[in-house]
Amino acid sequence: MVWGGSLNKEGSDYLRKIRKADEVIEFLEELKDKLNHDEQAHVTKVIEIIMNFISKLSEEGK
């Protein structure tokens, strides 16, 4: 598989962060199904924050 960007230390750190974020989001999505409506809204907001952070890292090229 071809990855965009460099696989130097910064590139490797970026890929690690993406993999970790993906694991966390997957967990939160599963958890969200078990919560009430108000709690689901909070979890959705956390997921959005994580996704925005990863998008920001991508835009910065790190």
N, C-alpha and C. Protein backbone atom coordinates (compact mmCIF):
# COMPACT_ATOMS: atom_id res chain seq x y z
N MET A 1 0.85 -1.18 0.00
CA MET A 1 0.00 0.00 0.00
C MET A 1 0.89 1.23 0.00
N VAL A 2 0.47 2.22 -0.73
CA VAL A 2 1.23 3.46 -0.83
C VAL A 2 0.64 4.49 0.12
N TRP A 3 1.50 5.09 0.91
CA TRP A 3 1.07 6.12 1.87
C TRP A 3 1.57 7.46 1.37
N GLY A 4 0.74 8.48 1.53
CA GLY A 4 1.18 9.82 1.20
C GLY A 4 2.10 10.34 2.29
N GLY A 5 3.05 11.13 1.91
CA GLY A 5 3.93 11.73 2.89
C GLY A 5 5.15 10.89 3.15
N SER A 6 5.95 11.42 4.00
CA SER A 6 7.23 10.81 4.33
C SER A 6 7.10 9.83 5.48
N LEU A 7 7.94 8.82 5.48
CA LEU A 7 7.96 7.88 6.60
C LEU A 7 9.16 8.13 7.50
N ASN A 8 9.60 9.40 7.54
CA ASN A 8 10.61 9.76 8.52
C ASN A 8 9.94 9.80 9.88
N LYS A 9 10.62 10.31 10.90
CA LYS A 9 10.05 10.31 12.24
C LYS A 9 8.70 11.02 12.28
N GLU A 10 8.59 12.17 11.65
CA GLU A 10 7.32 12.91 11.66
C GLU A 10 6.22 12.13 10.94
N GLY A 11 6.56 11.52 9.81
CA GLY A 11 5.58 10.74 9.07
C GLY A 11 5.13 9.52 9.86
N SER A 12 6.08 8.86 10.53
CA SER A 12 5.74 7.70 11.35
C SER A 12 4.86 8.10 12.53
N ASP A 13 5.19 9.22 13.16
CA ASP A 13 4.38 9.71 14.28
C ASP A 13 2.96 10.02 13.82
N TYR A 14 2.84 10.61 12.65
CA TYR A 14 1.52 10.94 12.09
C TYR A 14 0.71 9.67 11.86
N LEU A 15 1.33 8.66 11.27
CA LEU A 15 0.62 7.40 11.02
C LEU A 15 0.20 6.73 12.33
N ARG A 16 1.06 6.80 13.34
CA ARG A 16 0.71 6.24 14.66
C ARG A 16 -0.49 6.97 15.25
N LYS A 17 -0.50 8.28 15.13
CA LYS A 17 -1.62 9.06 15.66
C LYS A 17 -2.92 8.72 14.93
N ILE A 18 -2.83 8.53 13.63
CA ILE A 18 -4.04 8.18 12.86
C ILE A 18 -4.55 6.81 13.27
N ARG A 19 -3.66 5.84 13.42
CA ARG A 19 -4.09 4.50 13.83
C ARG A 19 -4.73 4.53 15.21
N LYS A 20 -4.11 5.26 16.13
CA LYS A 20 -4.65 5.36 17.49
C LYS A 20 -6.00 6.06 17.48
N ALA A 21 -6.12 7.14 16.74
CA ALA A 21 -7.40 7.85 16.65
C ALA A 21 -8.47 6.95 16.07
N ASP A 22 -8.12 6.15 15.08
CA ASP A 22 -9.07 5.24 14.48
C ASP A 22 -9.58 4.23 15.50
N GLU A 23 -8.66 3.70 16.32
CA GLU A 23 -9.05 2.75 17.37
C GLU A 23 -9.99 3.41 18.38
N VAL A 24 -9.68 4.62 18.78
CA VAL A 24 -10.50 5.34 19.75
C VAL A 24 -11.89 5.63 19.18
N ILE A 25 -11.94 6.09 17.94
CA ILE A 25 -13.23 6.39 17.31
C ILE A 25 -14.06 5.12 17.17
N GLU A 26 -13.42 4.03 16.80
CA GLU A 26 -14.14 2.76 16.68
C GLU A 26 -14.76 2.37 18.03
N PHE A 27 -13.97 2.50 19.11
CA PHE A 27 -14.48 2.20 20.44
C PHE A 27 -15.65 3.12 20.81
N LEU A 28 -15.50 4.41 20.55
CA LEU A 28 -16.55 5.36 20.90
C LEU A 28 -17.84 5.10 20.11
N GLU A 29 -17.70 4.72 18.85
CA GLU A 29 -18.89 4.40 18.05
C GLU A 29 -19.63 3.20 18.64
N GLU A 30 -18.89 2.19 19.08
CA GLU A 30 -19.52 1.03 19.71
C GLU A 30 -20.17 1.42 21.04
N LEU A 31 -19.50 2.24 21.81
CA LEU A 31 -20.01 2.69 23.09
C LEU A 31 -21.28 3.52 22.91
N LYS A 32 -21.28 4.36 21.90
CA LYS A 32 -22.40 5.26 21.66
C LYS A 32 -23.72 4.51 21.52
N ASP A 33 -23.68 3.32 20.93
CA ASP A 33 -24.89 2.52 20.75
C ASP A 33 -25.52 2.09 22.07
N LYS A 34 -24.74 2.09 23.13
CA LYS A 34 -25.22 1.61 24.43
C LYS A 34 -25.65 2.74 25.36
N LEU A 35 -25.59 3.97 24.87
CA LEU A 35 -25.87 5.12 25.72
C LEU A 35 -27.22 5.75 25.39
N ASN A 36 -27.71 6.58 26.32
CA ASN A 36 -28.95 7.30 26.05
C ASN A 36 -28.67 8.46 25.09
N HIS A 37 -29.73 9.11 24.65
CA HIS A 37 -29.62 10.15 23.62
C HIS A 37 -28.66 11.28 24.02
N ASP A 38 -28.79 11.79 25.24
CA ASP A 38 -27.93 12.90 25.68
C ASP A 38 -26.46 12.49 25.71
N GLU A 39 -26.20 11.29 26.22
CA GLU A 39 -24.82 10.80 26.27
C GLU A 39 -24.27 10.57 24.86
N GLN A 40 -25.12 10.11 23.96
CA GLN A 40 -24.69 9.91 22.58
C GLN A 40 -24.23 11.23 21.95
N ALA A 41 -24.93 12.29 22.27
CA ALA A 41 -24.56 13.61 21.74
C ALA A 41 -23.17 14.02 22.22
N HIS A 42 -22.86 13.74 23.48
CA HIS A 42 -21.53 14.06 24.01
C HIS A 42 -20.45 13.24 23.32
N VAL A 43 -20.71 11.96 23.12
CA VAL A 43 -19.73 11.09 22.47
C VAL A 43 -19.54 11.53 21.02
N THR A 44 -20.61 11.90 20.35
CA THR A 44 -20.51 12.39 18.98
C THR A 44 -19.61 13.62 18.93
N LYS A 45 -19.76 14.51 19.89
CA LYS A 45 -18.92 15.72 19.94
C LYS A 45 -17.45 15.36 20.13
N VAL A 46 -17.17 14.38 20.97
CA VAL A 46 -15.78 13.94 21.19
C VAL A 46 -15.20 13.37 19.89
N ILE A 47 -16.00 12.57 19.19
CA ILE A 47 -15.55 12.00 17.92
C ILE A 47 -15.23 13.12 16.93
N GLU A 48 -16.08 14.13 16.88
CA GLU A 48 -15.83 15.27 15.98
C GLU A 48 -14.54 16.00 16.35
N ILE A 49 -14.28 16.16 17.63
CA ILE A 49 -13.05 16.82 18.07
C ILE A 49 -11.83 16.03 17.62
N ILE A 50 -11.88 14.72 17.79
CA ILE A 50 -10.76 13.87 17.37
C ILE A 50 -10.56 13.96 15.86
N MET A 51 -11.64 13.89 15.11
CA MET A 51 -11.55 13.95 13.65
C MET A 51 -11.01 15.29 13.18
N ASN A 52 -11.43 16.37 13.84
CA ASN A 52 -10.92 17.70 13.49
C ASN A 52 -9.43 17.81 13.79
N PHE A 53 -9.00 17.22 14.89
CA PHE A 53 -7.58 17.24 15.24
C PHE A 53 -6.75 16.51 14.18
N ILE A 54 -7.22 15.34 13.77
CA ILE A 54 -6.50 14.57 12.75
C ILE A 54 -6.50 15.32 11.42
N SER A 55 -7.61 15.95 11.08
CA SER A 55 -7.67 16.75 9.85
C SER A 55 -6.67 17.89 9.90
N LYS A 56 -6.57 18.52 11.05
CA LYS A 56 -5.62 19.63 11.21
C LYS A 56 -4.19 19.13 11.04
N LEU A 57 -3.89 17.97 11.62
CA LEU A 57 -2.55 17.40 11.45
C LEU A 57 -2.27 17.12 9.98
N SER A 58 -3.27 16.61 9.29
CA SER A 58 -3.11 16.29 7.87
C SER A 58 -2.84 17.55 7.06
N GLU A 59 -3.55 18.61 7.37
CA GLU A 59 -3.36 19.87 6.65
C GLU A 59 -1.98 20.46 6.91
N GLU A 60 -1.46 20.22 8.12
CA GLU A 60 -0.13 20.72 8.46
C GLU A 60 0.96 19.86 7.85
N GLY A 61 0.58 18.67 7.38
CA GLY A 61 1.56 17.78 6.78
C GLY A 61 2.40 17.02 7.77
N LYS A 62 1.83 16.81 8.99
CA LYS A 62 2.59 16.10 10.02
C LYS A 62 1.95 14.80 10.34
